[in-house]
PDB file of N, CA and C in Angstrom:
ATOM      1  N   MET A   1     -36.519  16.966  -7.459  1.00  0.00           N
ATOM      2  CA  MET A   1     -35.509  17.326  -8.434  1.00  0.00           C
ATOM      3  C   MET A   1     -36.211  17.766  -9.705  1.00  0.00           C
ATOM      4  N   SER A   2     -35.720  18.823 -10.253  1.00  0.00           N
ATOM      5  CA  SER A   2     -36.308  19.351 -11.477  1.00  0.00           C
ATOM      6  C   SER A   2     -35.606  18.727 -12.680  1.00  0.00           C
ATOM      7  N   PHE A   3     -36.404  18.144 -13.559  1.00  0.00           N
ATOM      8  CA  PHE A   3     -35.853  17.492 -14.739  1.00  0.00           C
ATOM      9  C   PHE A   3     -36.058  18.326 -15.999  1.00  0.00           C
ATOM     10  N   SER A   4     -36.403  19.561 -15.858  1.00  0.00           N
ATOM     11  CA  SER A   4     -36.577  20.401 -17.037  1.00  0.00           C
ATOM     12  C   SER A   4     -35.478  21.456 -17.069  1.00  0.00           C
ATOM     13  N   ASP A   5     -35.277  22.030 -18.211  1.00  0.00           N
ATOM     14  CA  ASP A   5     -34.267  23.072 -18.430  1.00  0.00           C
ATOM     15  C   ASP A   5     -32.859  22.605 -18.052  1.00  0.00           C
ATOM     16  N   PHE A   6     -32.459  21.457 -18.556  1.00  0.00           N
ATOM     17  CA  PHE A   6     -31.103  20.990 -18.284  1.00  0.00           C
ATOM     18  C   PHE A   6     -30.210  21.099 -19.507  1.00  0.00           C
ATOM     19  N   SER A   7     -30.730  21.651 -20.581  1.00  0.00           N
ATOM     20  CA  SER A   7     -29.901  21.873 -21.759  1.00  0.00           C
ATOM     21  C   SER A   7     -30.395  23.110 -22.490  1.00  0.00           C
ATOM     22  N   SER A   8     -29.751  23.403 -23.582  1.00  0.00           N
ATOM     23  CA  SER A   8     -30.138  24.585 -24.352  1.00  0.00           C
ATOM     24  C   SER A   8     -31.074  24.219 -25.507  1.00  0.00           C
ATOM     25  N   TRP A   9     -31.633  23.032 -25.467  1.00  0.00           N
ATOM     26  CA  TRP A   9     -32.565  22.623 -26.499  1.00  0.00           C
ATOM     27  C   TRP A   9     -33.921  23.303 -26.293  1.00  0.00           C
ATOM     28  N   PRO A  10     -34.734  23.266 -27.317  1.00  0.00           N
ATOM     29  CA  PRO A  10     -36.089  23.811 -27.157  1.00  0.00           C
ATOM     30  C   PRO A  10     -36.849  23.023 -26.086  1.00  0.00           C
ATOM     31  N   ARG A  11     -37.793  23.697 -25.422  1.00  0.00           N
ATOM     32  CA  ARG A  11     -38.503  23.127 -24.286  1.00  0.00           C
ATOM     33  C   ARG A  11     -39.228  21.820 -24.631  1.00  0.00           C
ATOM     34  N   ASP A  12     -39.827  21.689 -25.795  1.00  0.00           N
ATOM     35  CA  ASP A  12     -40.547  20.455 -26.129  1.00  0.00           C
ATOM     36  C   ASP A  12     -39.593  19.265 -26.278  1.00  0.00           C
ATOM     37  N   GLN A  13     -38.369  19.499 -26.775  1.00  0.00           N
ATOM     38  CA  GLN A  13     -37.387  18.418 -26.866  1.00  0.00           C
ATOM     39  C   GLN A  13     -36.863  18.047 -25.476  1.00  0.00           C
ATOM     40  N   GLU A  14     -36.697  19.047 -24.625  1.00  0.00           N
ATOM     41  CA  GLU A  14     -36.245  18.765 -23.262  1.00  0.00           C
ATOM     42  C   GLU A  14     -37.285  17.944 -22.510  1.00  0.00           C
ATOM     43  N   GLN A  15     -38.542  18.257 -22.701  1.00  0.00           N
ATOM     44  CA  GLN A  15     -39.607  17.534 -22.009  1.00  0.00           C
ATOM     45  C   GLN A  15     -39.679  16.075 -22.458  1.00  0.00           C
ATOM     46  N   SER A  16     -39.253  15.796 -23.686  1.00  0.00           N
ATOM     47  CA  SER A  16     -39.279  14.413 -24.155  1.00  0.00           C
ATOM     48  C   SER A  16     -38.173  13.570 -23.487  1.00  0.00           C
ATOM     49  N   LEU A  17     -37.162  14.210 -22.902  1.00  0.00           N
ATOM     50  CA  LEU A  17     -36.068  13.501 -22.246  1.00  0.00           C
ATOM     51  C   LEU A  17     -36.273  13.340 -20.736  1.00  0.00           C
ATOM     52  N   VAL A  18     -37.307  13.932 -20.171  1.00  0.00           N
ATOM     53  CA  VAL A  18     -37.550  13.866 -18.728  1.00  0.00           C
ATOM     54  C   VAL A  18     -37.716  12.428 -18.232  1.00  0.00           C
ATOM     55  N   PRO A  19     -38.458  11.551 -18.905  1.00  0.00           N
ATOM     56  CA  PRO A  19     -38.576  10.171 -18.411  1.00  0.00           C
ATOM     57  C   PRO A  19     -37.224   9.450 -18.321  1.00  0.00           C
ATOM     58  N   PHE A  20     -36.329   9.751 -19.253  1.00  0.00           N
ATOM     59  CA  PHE A  20     -35.009   9.129 -19.218  1.00  0.00           C
ATOM     60  C   PHE A  20     -34.200   9.622 -18.020  1.00  0.00           C
ATOM     61  N   GLU A  21     -34.291  10.909 -17.731  1.00  0.00           N
ATOM     62  CA  GLU A  21     -33.595  11.465 -16.575  1.00  0.00           C
ATOM     63  C   GLU A  21     -34.165  10.890 -15.278  1.00  0.00           C
ATOM     64  N   GLN A  22     -35.464  10.708 -15.212  1.00  0.00           N
ATOM     65  CA  GLN A  22     -36.074  10.106 -14.022  1.00  0.00           C
ATOM     66  C   GLN A  22     -35.614   8.658 -13.854  1.00  0.00           C
ATOM     67  N   HIS A  23     -35.535   7.947 -14.962  1.00  0.00           N
ATOM     68  CA  HIS A  23     -35.086   6.556 -14.904  1.00  0.00           C
ATOM     69  C   HIS A  23     -33.630   6.474 -14.422  1.00  0.00           C
ATOM     70  N   VAL A  24     -32.792   7.373 -14.902  1.00  0.00           N
ATOM     71  CA  VAL A  24     -31.393   7.391 -14.477  1.00  0.00           C
ATOM     72  C   VAL A  24     -31.299   7.670 -12.977  1.00  0.00           C
ATOM     73  N   THR A  25     -32.060   8.612 -12.483  1.00  0.00           N
ATOM     74  CA  THR A  25     -32.031   8.958 -11.060  1.00  0.00           C
ATOM     75  C   THR A  25     -32.506   7.790 -10.209  1.00  0.00           C
ATOM     76  N   GLU A  26     -33.575   7.136 -10.627  1.00  0.00           N
ATOM     77  CA  GLU A  26     -34.084   5.976  -9.878  1.00  0.00           C
ATOM     78  C   GLU A  26     -33.084   4.818  -9.914  1.00  0.00           C
ATOM     79  N   SER A  27     -32.462   4.600 -11.049  1.00  0.00           N
ATOM     80  CA  SER A  27     -31.473   3.522 -11.162  1.00  0.00           C
ATOM     81  C   SER A  27     -30.266   3.772 -10.272  1.00  0.00           C
ATOM     82  N   GLN A  28     -29.802   5.004 -10.222  1.00  0.00           N
ATOM     83  CA  GLN A  28     -28.670   5.331  -9.352  1.00  0.00           C
ATOM     84  C   GLN A  28     -29.039   5.131  -7.879  1.00  0.00           C
ATOM     85  N   SER A  29     -30.237   5.518  -7.514  1.00  0.00           N
ATOM     86  CA  SER A  29     -30.681   5.338  -6.136  1.00  0.00           C
ATOM     87  C   SER A  29     -30.731   3.857  -5.766  1.00  0.00           C
ATOM     88  N   LYS A  30     -31.270   3.032  -6.661  1.00  0.00           N
ATOM     89  CA  LYS A  30     -31.323   1.587  -6.408  1.00  0.00           C
ATOM     90  C   LYS A  30     -29.922   0.988  -6.343  1.00  0.00           C
ATOM     91  N   ALA A  31     -29.034   1.442  -7.202  1.00  0.00           N
ATOM     92  CA  ALA A  31     -27.666   0.916  -7.220  1.00  0.00           C
ATOM     93  C   ALA A  31     -26.949   1.238  -5.913  1.00  0.00           C
ATOM     94  N   TRP A  32     -27.088   2.461  -5.417  1.00  0.00           N
ATOM     95  CA  TRP A  32     -26.454   2.819  -4.152  1.00  0.00           C
ATOM     96  C   TRP A  32     -27.058   2.019  -2.989  1.00  0.00           C
ATOM     97  N   THR A  33     -28.347   1.797  -3.022  1.00  0.00           N
ATOM     98  CA  THR A  33     -28.989   1.029  -1.960  1.00  0.00           C
ATOM     99  C   THR A  33     -28.495  -0.413  -1.968  1.00  0.00           C
ATOM    100  N   ILE A  34     -28.458  -1.026  -3.131  1.00  0.00           N
ATOM    101  CA  ILE A  34     -28.003  -2.423  -3.242  1.00  0.00           C
ATOM    102  C   ILE A  34     -26.529  -2.534  -2.862  1.00  0.00           C
ATOM    103  N   SER A  35     -25.705  -1.595  -3.307  1.00  0.00           N
ATOM    104  CA  SER A  35     -24.283  -1.660  -2.961  1.00  0.00           C
ATOM    105  C   SER A  35     -24.061  -1.465  -1.467  1.00  0.00           C
ATOM    106  N   GLY A  36     -24.865  -0.634  -0.826  1.00  0.00           N
ATOM    107  CA  GLY A  36     -24.766  -0.466   0.625  1.00  0.00           C
ATOM    108  C   GLY A  36     -25.144  -1.733   1.370  1.00  0.00           C
ATOM    109  N   ILE A  37     -26.189  -2.409   0.910  1.00  0.00           N
ATOM    110  CA  ILE A  37     -26.614  -3.660   1.541  1.00  0.00           C
ATOM    111  C   ILE A  37     -25.543  -4.740   1.362  1.00  0.00           C
ATOM    112  N   VAL A  38     -25.006  -4.865   0.161  1.00  0.00           N
ATOM    113  CA  VAL A  38     -23.971  -5.869  -0.100  1.00  0.00           C
ATOM    114  C   VAL A  38     -22.721  -5.576   0.727  1.00  0.00           C
ATOM    115  N   ALA A  39     -22.338  -4.322   0.834  1.00  0.00           N
ATOM    116  CA  ALA A  39     -21.168  -3.953   1.637  1.00  0.00           C
ATOM    117  C   ALA A  39     -21.409  -4.275   3.112  1.00  0.00           C
ATOM    118  N   GLY A  40     -22.605  -4.037   3.596  1.00  0.00           N
ATOM    119  CA  GLY A  40     -22.932  -4.364   4.981  1.00  0.00           C
ATOM    120  C   GLY A  40     -22.884  -5.857   5.245  1.00  0.00           C
ATOM    121  N   VAL A  41     -23.432  -6.656   4.333  1.00  0.00           N
ATOM    122  CA  VAL A  41     -23.392  -8.112   4.484  1.00  0.00           C
ATOM    123  C   VAL A  41     -21.954  -8.615   4.456  1.00  0.00           C
ATOM    124  N   PHE A  42     -21.148  -8.088   3.559  1.00  0.00           N
ATOM    125  CA  PHE A  42     -19.750  -8.488   3.485  1.00  0.00           C
ATOM    126  C   PHE A  42     -18.995  -8.103   4.756  1.00  0.00           C
ATOM    127  N   LEU A  43     -19.277  -6.927   5.299  1.00  0.00           N
ATOM    128  CA  LEU A  43     -18.630  -6.493   6.534  1.00  0.00           C
ATOM    129  C   LEU A  43     -18.985  -7.425   7.688  1.00  0.00           C
ATOM    130  N   VAL A  44     -20.260  -7.790   7.805  1.00  0.00           N
ATOM    131  CA  VAL A  44     -20.681  -8.708   8.869  1.00  0.00           C
ATOM    132  C   VAL A  44     -20.002 -10.061   8.681  1.00  0.00           C
ATOM    133  N   PHE A  45     -19.932 -10.557   7.464  1.00  0.00           N
ATOM    134  CA  PHE A  45     -19.267 -11.834   7.185  1.00  0.00           C
ATOM    135  C   PHE A  45     -17.785 -11.763   7.533  1.00  0.00           C
ATOM    136  N   ALA A  46     -17.103 -10.694   7.117  1.00  0.00           N
ATOM    137  CA  ALA A  46     -15.673 -10.557   7.379  1.00  0.00           C
ATOM    138  C   ALA A  46     -15.398 -10.464   8.881  1.00  0.00           C
ATOM    139  N   LEU A  47     -16.210  -9.718   9.605  1.00  0.00           N
ATOM    140  CA  LEU A  47     -16.024  -9.629  11.045  1.00  0.00           C
ATOM    141  C   LEU A  47     -16.311 -10.968  11.721  1.00  0.00           C
ATOM    142  N   GLY A  48     -17.295 -11.695  11.223  1.00  0.00           N
ATOM    143  CA  GLY A  48     -17.594 -13.017  11.769  1.00  0.00           C
ATOM    144  C   GLY A  48     -16.438 -13.978  11.572  1.00  0.00           C
ATOM    145  N   VAL A  49     -15.823 -13.943  10.412  1.00  0.00           N
ATOM    146  CA  VAL A  49     -14.678 -14.813  10.153  1.00  0.00           C
ATOM    147  C   VAL A  49     -13.487 -14.380  11.007  1.00  0.00           C
ATOM    148  N   TYR A  50     -13.265 -13.085  11.091  1.00  0.00           N
ATOM    149  CA  TYR A  50     -12.107 -12.571  11.828  1.00  0.00           C
ATOM    150  C   TYR A  50     -12.192 -12.919  13.318  1.00  0.00           C
ATOM    151  N   PHE A  51     -13.356 -12.727  13.915  1.00  0.00           N
ATOM    152  CA  PHE A  51     -13.497 -12.963  15.344  1.00  0.00           C
ATOM    153  C   PHE A  51     -13.971 -14.376  15.679  1.00  0.00           C
ATOM    154  N   GLY A  52     -14.533 -15.093  14.732  1.00  0.00           N
ATOM    155  CA  GLY A  52     -15.109 -16.393  15.021  1.00  0.00           C
ATOM    156  C   GLY A  52     -14.228 -17.584  14.713  1.00  0.00           C
ATOM    157  N   VAL A  53     -13.250 -17.428  13.852  1.00  0.00           N
ATOM    158  CA  VAL A  53     -12.407 -18.558  13.463  1.00  0.00           C
ATOM    159  C   VAL A  53     -11.069 -18.452  14.187  1.00  0.00           C
ATOM    160  N   ALA A  54     -10.749 -19.456  14.982  1.00  0.00           N
ATOM    161  CA  ALA A  54      -9.488 -19.455  15.710  1.00  0.00           C
ATOM    162  C   ALA A  54      -8.350 -19.814  14.762  1.00  0.00           C
ATOM    163  N   PRO A  55      -7.226 -19.115  14.870  1.00  0.00           N
ATOM    164  CA  PRO A  55      -6.086 -19.444  13.999  1.00  0.00           C
ATOM    165  C   PRO A  55      -5.441 -20.754  14.432  1.00  0.00           C
ATOM    166  N   LYS A  56      -4.842 -21.428  13.492  1.00  0.00           N
ATOM    167  CA  LYS A  56      -4.165 -22.684  13.764  1.00  0.00           C
ATOM    168  C   LYS A  56      -2.753 -22.364  14.257  1.00  0.00           C
ATOM    169  N   HIS A  57      -2.439 -22.827  15.449  1.00  0.00           N
ATOM    170  CA  HIS A  57      -1.111 -22.594  16.019  1.00  0.00           C
ATOM    171  C   HIS A  57      -0.248 -23.814  15.741  1.00  0.00           C
ATOM    172  N   ASN A  58       0.738 -23.635  14.883  1.00  0.00           N
ATOM    173  CA  ASN A  58       1.630 -24.718  14.500  1.00  0.00           C
ATOM    174  C   ASN A  58       3.053 -24.274  14.803  1.00  0.00           C
ATOM    175  N   ASN A  59       3.676 -24.920  15.785  1.00  0.00           N
ATOM    176  CA  ASN A  59       5.038 -24.581  16.155  1.00  0.00           C
ATOM    177  C   ASN A  59       5.919 -25.798  15.901  1.00  0.00           C
ATOM    178  N   PRO A  60       6.581 -25.858  14.762  1.00  0.00           N
ATOM    179  CA  PRO A  60       7.405 -27.031  14.459  1.00  0.00           C
ATOM    180  C   PRO A  60       8.675 -27.103  15.313  1.00  0.00           C
ATOM    181  N   MET A  61       9.037 -26.038  16.006  1.00  0.00           N
ATOM    182  CA  MET A  61      10.275 -26.022  16.781  1.00  0.00           C
ATOM    183  C   MET A  61      10.072 -26.487  18.224  1.00  0.00           C
ATOM    184  N   LYS A  62       8.856 -26.800  18.631  1.00  0.00           N
ATOM    185  CA  LYS A  62       8.627 -27.147  20.034  1.00  0.00           C
ATOM    186  C   LYS A  62       9.285 -28.473  20.415  1.00  0.00           C
ATOM    187  N   ASP A  63       9.468 -29.393  19.488  1.00  0.00           N
ATOM    188  CA  ASP A  63      10.069 -30.687  19.784  1.00  0.00           C
ATOM    189  C   ASP A  63      11.526 -30.787  19.325  1.00  0.00           C
ATOM    190  N   THR A  64      12.116 -29.686  18.905  1.00  0.00           N
ATOM    191  CA  THR A  64      13.471 -29.712  18.380  1.00  0.00           C
ATOM    192  C   THR A  64      14.487 -29.667  19.522  1.00  0.00           C
ATOM    193  N   ASP A  65      15.484 -30.523  19.436  1.00  0.00           N
ATOM    194  CA  ASP A  65      16.556 -30.542  20.422  1.00  0.00           C
ATOM    195  C   ASP A  65      17.681 -29.652  19.910  1.00  0.00           C
ATOM    196  N   MET A  66      17.889 -28.522  20.556  1.00  0.00           N
ATOM    197  CA  MET A  66      18.888 -27.561  20.102  1.00  0.00           C
ATOM    198  C   MET A  66      20.240 -27.778  20.767  1.00  0.00           C
ATOM    199  N   SER A  67      20.336 -28.702  21.694  1.00  0.00           N
ATOM    200  CA  SER A  67      21.590 -28.878  22.419  1.00  0.00           C
ATOM    201  C   SER A  67      22.710 -29.403  21.519  1.00  0.00           C
ATOM    202  N   ASN A  68      22.394 -30.110  20.482  1.00  0.00           N
ATOM    203  CA  ASN A  68      23.436 -30.639  19.607  1.00  0.00           C
ATOM    204  C   ASN A  68      23.910 -29.620  18.565  1.00  0.00           C
ATOM    205  N   LEU A  69      23.306 -28.453  18.527  1.00  0.00           N
ATOM    206  CA  LEU A  69      23.699 -27.445  17.549  1.00  0.00           C
ATOM    207  C   LEU A  69      24.657 -26.409  18.125  1.00  0.00           C
ATOM    208  N   THR A  70      24.823 -26.368  19.422  1.00  0.00           N
ATOM    209  CA  THR A  70      25.708 -25.378  20.021  1.00  0.00           C
ATOM    210  C   THR A  70      27.017 -26.040  20.435  1.00  0.00           C
ATOM    211  N   LYS A  71      28.099 -25.245  20.420  1.00  0.00           N
ATOM    212  CA  LYS A  71      29.403 -25.770  20.834  1.00  0.00           C
ATOM    213  C   LYS A  71      29.443 -25.847  22.354  1.00  0.00           C
ATOM    214  N   LYS A  72      29.997 -26.897  22.834  1.00  0.00           N
ATOM    215  CA  LYS A  72      30.156 -27.049  24.272  1.00  0.00           C
ATOM    216  C   LYS A  72      31.461 -26.382  24.678  1.00  0.00           C
ATOM    217  N   LYS A  73      31.461 -25.743  25.826  1.00  0.00           N
ATOM    218  CA  LYS A  73      32.654 -25.038  26.289  1.00  0.00           C
ATOM    219  C   LYS A  73      33.766 -26.020  26.655  1.00  0.00           C
ATOM    220  N   SER A  74      33.432 -27.205  27.056  1.00  0.00           N
ATOM    221  CA  SER A  74      34.455 -28.179  27.436  1.00  0.00           C
ATOM    222  C   SER A  74      35.210 -28.700  26.217  1.00  0.00           C
ATOM    223  N   ASP A  75      34.645 -28.630  25.004  1.00  0.00           N
ATOM    224  CA  ASP A  75      35.314 -29.104  23.796  1.00  0.00           C
ATOM    225  C   ASP A  75      36.369 -28.120  23.298  1.00  0.00           C
ATOM    226  N   ALA A  76      36.182 -26.857  23.507  1.00  0.00           N
ATOM    227  CA  ALA A  76      37.090 -25.847  22.979  1.00  0.00           C
ATOM    228  C   ALA A  76      38.487 -25.931  23.592  1.00  0.00           C
ATOM    229  N   PRO A  77      38.682 -26.014  24.895  1.00  0.00           N
ATOM    230  CA  PRO A  77      40.044 -26.107  25.433  1.00  0.00           C
ATOM    231  C   PRO A  77      40.715 -27.428  25.081  1.00  0.00           C
ATOM    232  N   ALA A  78      39.984 -28.487  24.952  1.00  0.00           N
ATOM    233  CA  ALA A  78      40.577 -29.772  24.612  1.00  0.00           C
ATOM    234  C   ALA A  78      41.180 -29.735  23.216  1.00  0.00           C
ATOM    235  N   ALA A  79      40.593 -28.997  22.311  1.00  0.00           N
ATOM    236  CA  ALA A  79      41.115 -28.897  20.965  1.00  0.00           C
ATOM    237  C   ALA A  79      42.371 -28.036  20.923  1.00  0.00           C
ATOM    238  N   GLU A  80      42.495 -27.084  21.803  1.00  0.00           N
ATOM    239  CA  GLU A  80      43.659 -26.190  21.824  1.00  0.00           C
ATOM    240  C   GLU A  80      44.824 -26.780  22.588  1.00  0.00           C
ATOM    241  N   ALA A  81      44.583 -27.640  23.510  1.00  0.00           N
ATOM    242  CA  ALA A  81      45.642 -28.190  24.362  1.00  0.00           C
ATOM    243  C   ALA A  81      46.672 -28.988  23.569  1.00  0.00           C
ATOM    244  N   PRO A  82      46.301 -29.870  22.683  1.00  0.00           N
ATOM    245  CA  PRO A  82      47.337 -30.596  21.939  1.00  0.00           C
ATOM    246  C   PRO A  82      48.179 -29.670  21.066  1.00  0.00           C
ATOM    247  N   ALA A  83      47.622 -28.636  20.545  1.00  0.00           N
ATOM    248  CA  ALA A  83      48.392 -27.729  19.707  1.00  0.00           C
ATOM    249  C   ALA A  83      49.431 -26.989  20.539  1.00  0.00           C
ATOM    250  N   ALA A  84      49.135 -26.681  21.758  1.00  0.00           N
ATOM    251  CA  ALA A  84      50.090 -25.987  22.631  1.00  0.00           C
ATOM    252  C   ALA A  84      51.201 -26.919  23.072  1.00  0.00           C
ATOM    253  N   GLU A  85      50.951 -28.184  23.220  1.00  0.00           N
ATOM    254  CA  GLU A  85      51.944 -29.135  23.672  1.00  0.00           C
ATOM    255  C   GLU A  85      52.988 -29.419  22.595  1.00  0.00           C
ATOM    256  N   LYS A  86      52.644 -29.285  21.324  1.00  0.00           N
ATOM    257  CA  LYS A  86      53.561 -29.602  20.231  1.00  0.00           C
ATOM    258  C   LYS A  86      54.684 -28.597  20.127  1.00  0.00           C
ATOM    259  N   LYS A  87      54.529 -27.422  20.611  1.00  0.00           N
ATOM    260  CA  LYS A  87      55.569 -26.411  20.468  1.00  0.00           C
ATOM    261  C   LYS A  87      56.710 -26.655  21.335  1.00  0.00           C
TER     262      LYS A  87
END
């Protein structure tokens, strides 16, 4: 990468800024490398948790008796029969 002629300043002033431009380029390269490594480690950890940890199966309704919550068919005609007899 060429670090000279990046502005309209005189050449001697531009040359004095070259070390700073090199430092910026090296810092960006290191930052991308470190962020890639951290992202890879996080991905491996997330996949390990996703595939390695079994979910807890909790079914609170498995022991519930639902028979007392529904109307019985034998109760319905018995309730109507006395009303029909009164007429």
